């Protein structure tokens, strides 16, 4: 049961990053959950890797979250472009 709640919390963080990123991407549908989850996943993955690589101190923890959000916005924009060009999502 503990693993279930860890997965739920991880998915909720991806959804939060994706929903916030959808406010910054023009013409993004806030009901496109695949786009929201994928952009949150890629943003969290890339932003987390970069913040771990540059070793951000714990007293400015918000910088790590900001990097994740910035990468979530960029990945949502990129994924939306790819989805439109391939015809996967309209």
C-alpha atoms as a PDB file:
ATOM      1  CA  UNK A   1       0.000   0.000   0.000  1.00  0.00           C
ATOM      2  CA  UNK A   2       2.955   2.298   0.640  1.00  0.00           C
ATOM      3  CA  UNK A   3       4.097   1.946  -2.967  1.00  0.00           C
ATOM      4  CA  UNK A   4       0.633   2.948  -4.168  1.00  0.00           C
ATOM      5  CA  UNK A   5       0.747   6.232  -2.257  1.00  0.00           C
ATOM      6  CA  UNK A   6       4.265   6.964  -3.484  1.00  0.00           C
ATOM      7  CA  UNK A   7       3.060   6.583  -7.060  1.00  0.00           C
ATOM      8  CA  UNK A   8       0.005   8.755  -6.378  1.00  0.00           C
ATOM      9  CA  UNK A   9       2.168  11.518  -4.900  1.00  0.00           C
ATOM     10  CA  UNK A  10       4.580  11.356  -7.848  1.00  0.00           C
ATOM     11  CA  UNK A  11       1.732  11.611 -10.362  1.00  0.00           C
ATOM     12  CA  UNK A  12       0.200  14.509  -8.457  1.00  0.00           C
ATOM     13  CA  UNK A  13       3.461  16.456  -8.612  1.00  0.00           C
ATOM     14  CA  UNK A  14       3.653  15.853 -12.362  1.00  0.00           C
ATOM     15  CA  UNK A  15       0.065  17.046 -12.712  1.00  0.00           C
ATOM     16  CA  UNK A  16       0.784  20.187 -10.707  1.00  0.00           C
ATOM     17  CA  UNK A  17       3.819  21.059 -12.854  1.00  0.00           C
ATOM     18  CA  UNK A  18       1.842  20.315 -16.014  1.00  0.00           C
ATOM     19  CA  UNK A  19      -1.173  22.391 -15.024  1.00  0.00           C
ATOM     20  CA  UNK A  20       1.003  25.358 -14.059  1.00  0.00           C
ATOM     21  CA  UNK A  21       2.931  25.000 -17.325  1.00  0.00           C
ATOM     22  CA  UNK A  22      -0.345  24.988 -19.268  1.00  0.00           C
ATOM     23  CA  UNK A  23      -0.988  28.544 -18.074  1.00  0.00           C
ATOM     24  CA  UNK A  24       2.156  29.697 -19.915  1.00  0.00           C
ATOM     25  CA  UNK A  25       1.706  27.813 -23.207  1.00  0.00           C
ATOM     26  CA  UNK A  26      -0.596  29.472 -25.709  1.00  0.00           C
ATOM     27  CA  UNK A  27      -3.628  27.475 -26.909  1.00  0.00           C
ATOM     28  CA  UNK A  28      -2.962  24.507 -24.645  1.00  0.00           C
ATOM     29  CA  UNK A  29      -5.974  22.520 -23.563  1.00  0.00           C
ATOM     30  CA  UNK A  30      -6.113  22.046 -19.812  1.00  0.00           C
ATOM     31  CA  UNK A  31      -8.008  18.782 -20.344  1.00  0.00           C
ATOM     32  CA  UNK A  32      -5.254  17.153 -22.378  1.00  0.00           C
ATOM     33  CA  UNK A  33      -3.985  14.979 -19.561  1.00  0.00           C
ATOM     34  CA  UNK A  34      -1.391  13.138 -21.634  1.00  0.00           C
ATOM     35  CA  UNK A  35       0.277  16.436 -22.508  1.00  0.00           C
ATOM     36  CA  UNK A  36       0.066  17.641 -18.904  1.00  0.00           C
ATOM     37  CA  UNK A  37       1.509  14.428 -17.438  1.00  0.00           C
ATOM     38  CA  UNK A  38       4.281  14.110 -20.021  1.00  0.00           C
ATOM     39  CA  UNK A  39       5.363  17.731 -19.715  1.00  0.00           C
ATOM     40  CA  UNK A  40       5.358  17.455 -15.925  1.00  0.00           C
ATOM     41  CA  UNK A  41       7.385  14.248 -16.161  1.00  0.00           C
ATOM     42  CA  UNK A  42       9.969  15.650 -18.571  1.00  0.00           C
ATOM     43  CA  UNK A  43      10.144  18.960 -16.720  1.00  0.00           C
ATOM     44  CA  UNK A  44      10.638  17.232 -13.378  1.00  0.00           C
ATOM     45  CA  UNK A  45      13.202  14.869 -14.857  1.00  0.00           C
ATOM     46  CA  UNK A  46      15.277  17.518 -16.649  1.00  0.00           C
ATOM     47  CA  UNK A  47      14.926  20.194 -13.967  1.00  0.00           C
ATOM     48  CA  UNK A  48      15.692  17.735 -11.186  1.00  0.00           C
ATOM     49  CA  UNK A  49      18.754  16.393 -12.987  1.00  0.00           C
ATOM     50  CA  UNK A  50      20.120  19.868 -13.625  1.00  0.00           C
ATOM     51  CA  UNK A  51      19.443  21.067 -10.075  1.00  0.00           C
ATOM     52  CA  UNK A  52      21.195  17.983  -8.701  1.00  0.00           C
ATOM     53  CA  UNK A  53      24.099  18.537 -11.074  1.00  0.00           C
ATOM     54  CA  UNK A  54      24.666  22.157 -10.032  1.00  0.00           C
ATOM     55  CA  UNK A  55      24.078  21.260  -6.343  1.00  0.00           C
ATOM     56  CA  UNK A  56      21.649  23.955  -5.277  1.00  0.00           C
ATOM     57  CA  UNK A  57      21.928  24.681  -1.517  1.00  0.00           C
ATOM     58  CA  UNK A  58      18.978  23.757   0.671  1.00  0.00           C
ATOM     59  CA  UNK A  59      18.318  27.336   1.771  1.00  0.00           C
ATOM     60  CA  UNK A  60      17.271  28.214  -1.802  1.00  0.00           C
ATOM     61  CA  UNK A  61      15.225  25.049  -2.483  1.00  0.00           C
ATOM     62  CA  UNK A  62      12.740  27.094  -4.504  1.00  0.00           C
ATOM     63  CA  UNK A  63      15.334  27.470  -7.283  1.00  0.00           C
ATOM     64  CA  UNK A  64      15.163  23.730  -7.914  1.00  0.00           C
ATOM     65  CA  UNK A  65      11.368  23.883  -8.158  1.00  0.00           C
ATOM     66  CA  UNK A  66      11.617  26.900 -10.466  1.00  0.00           C
ATOM     67  CA  UNK A  67      13.962  25.003 -12.779  1.00  0.00           C
ATOM     68  CA  UNK A  68      11.513  22.084 -12.881  1.00  0.00           C
ATOM     69  CA  UNK A  69       8.682  24.435 -13.758  1.00  0.00           C
ATOM     70  CA  UNK A  70      10.688  26.163 -16.497  1.00  0.00           C
ATOM     71  CA  UNK A  71      11.567  22.827 -18.066  1.00  0.00           C
ATOM     72  CA  UNK A  72       7.937  21.718 -17.779  1.00  0.00           C
ATOM     73  CA  UNK A  73       6.876  24.800 -19.754  1.00  0.00           C
ATOM     74  CA  UNK A  74       9.521  24.160 -22.417  1.00  0.00           C
ATOM     75  CA  UNK A  75       8.630  20.487 -22.678  1.00  0.00           C
ATOM     76  CA  UNK A  76       4.906  21.283 -22.942  1.00  0.00           C
ATOM     77  CA  UNK A  77       5.604  23.708 -25.748  1.00  0.00           C
ATOM     78  CA  UNK A  78       7.781  21.154 -27.531  1.00  0.00           C
ATOM     79  CA  UNK A  79       5.355  18.280 -27.031  1.00  0.00           C
ATOM     80  CA  UNK A  80       2.434  20.394 -28.213  1.00  0.00           C
ATOM     81  CA  UNK A  81       4.379  21.255 -31.368  1.00  0.00           C
ATOM     82  CA  UNK A  82       5.259  17.587 -31.960  1.00  0.00           C
ATOM     83  CA  UNK A  83       1.682  16.445 -31.328  1.00  0.00           C
ATOM     84  CA  UNK A  84       0.321  18.999 -33.798  1.00  0.00           C
ATOM     85  CA  UNK A  85       2.866  18.196 -36.526  1.00  0.00           C
ATOM     86  CA  UNK A  86       2.369  14.436 -36.289  1.00  0.00           C
ATOM     87  CA  UNK A  87      -1.410  14.721 -36.043  1.00  0.00           C
ATOM     88  CA  UNK A  88      -1.486  12.812 -32.760  1.00  0.00           C
ATOM     89  CA  UNK A  89      -3.440  15.554 -30.968  1.00  0.00           C
ATOM     90  CA  UNK A  90      -5.250  18.367 -32.697  1.00  0.00           C
END
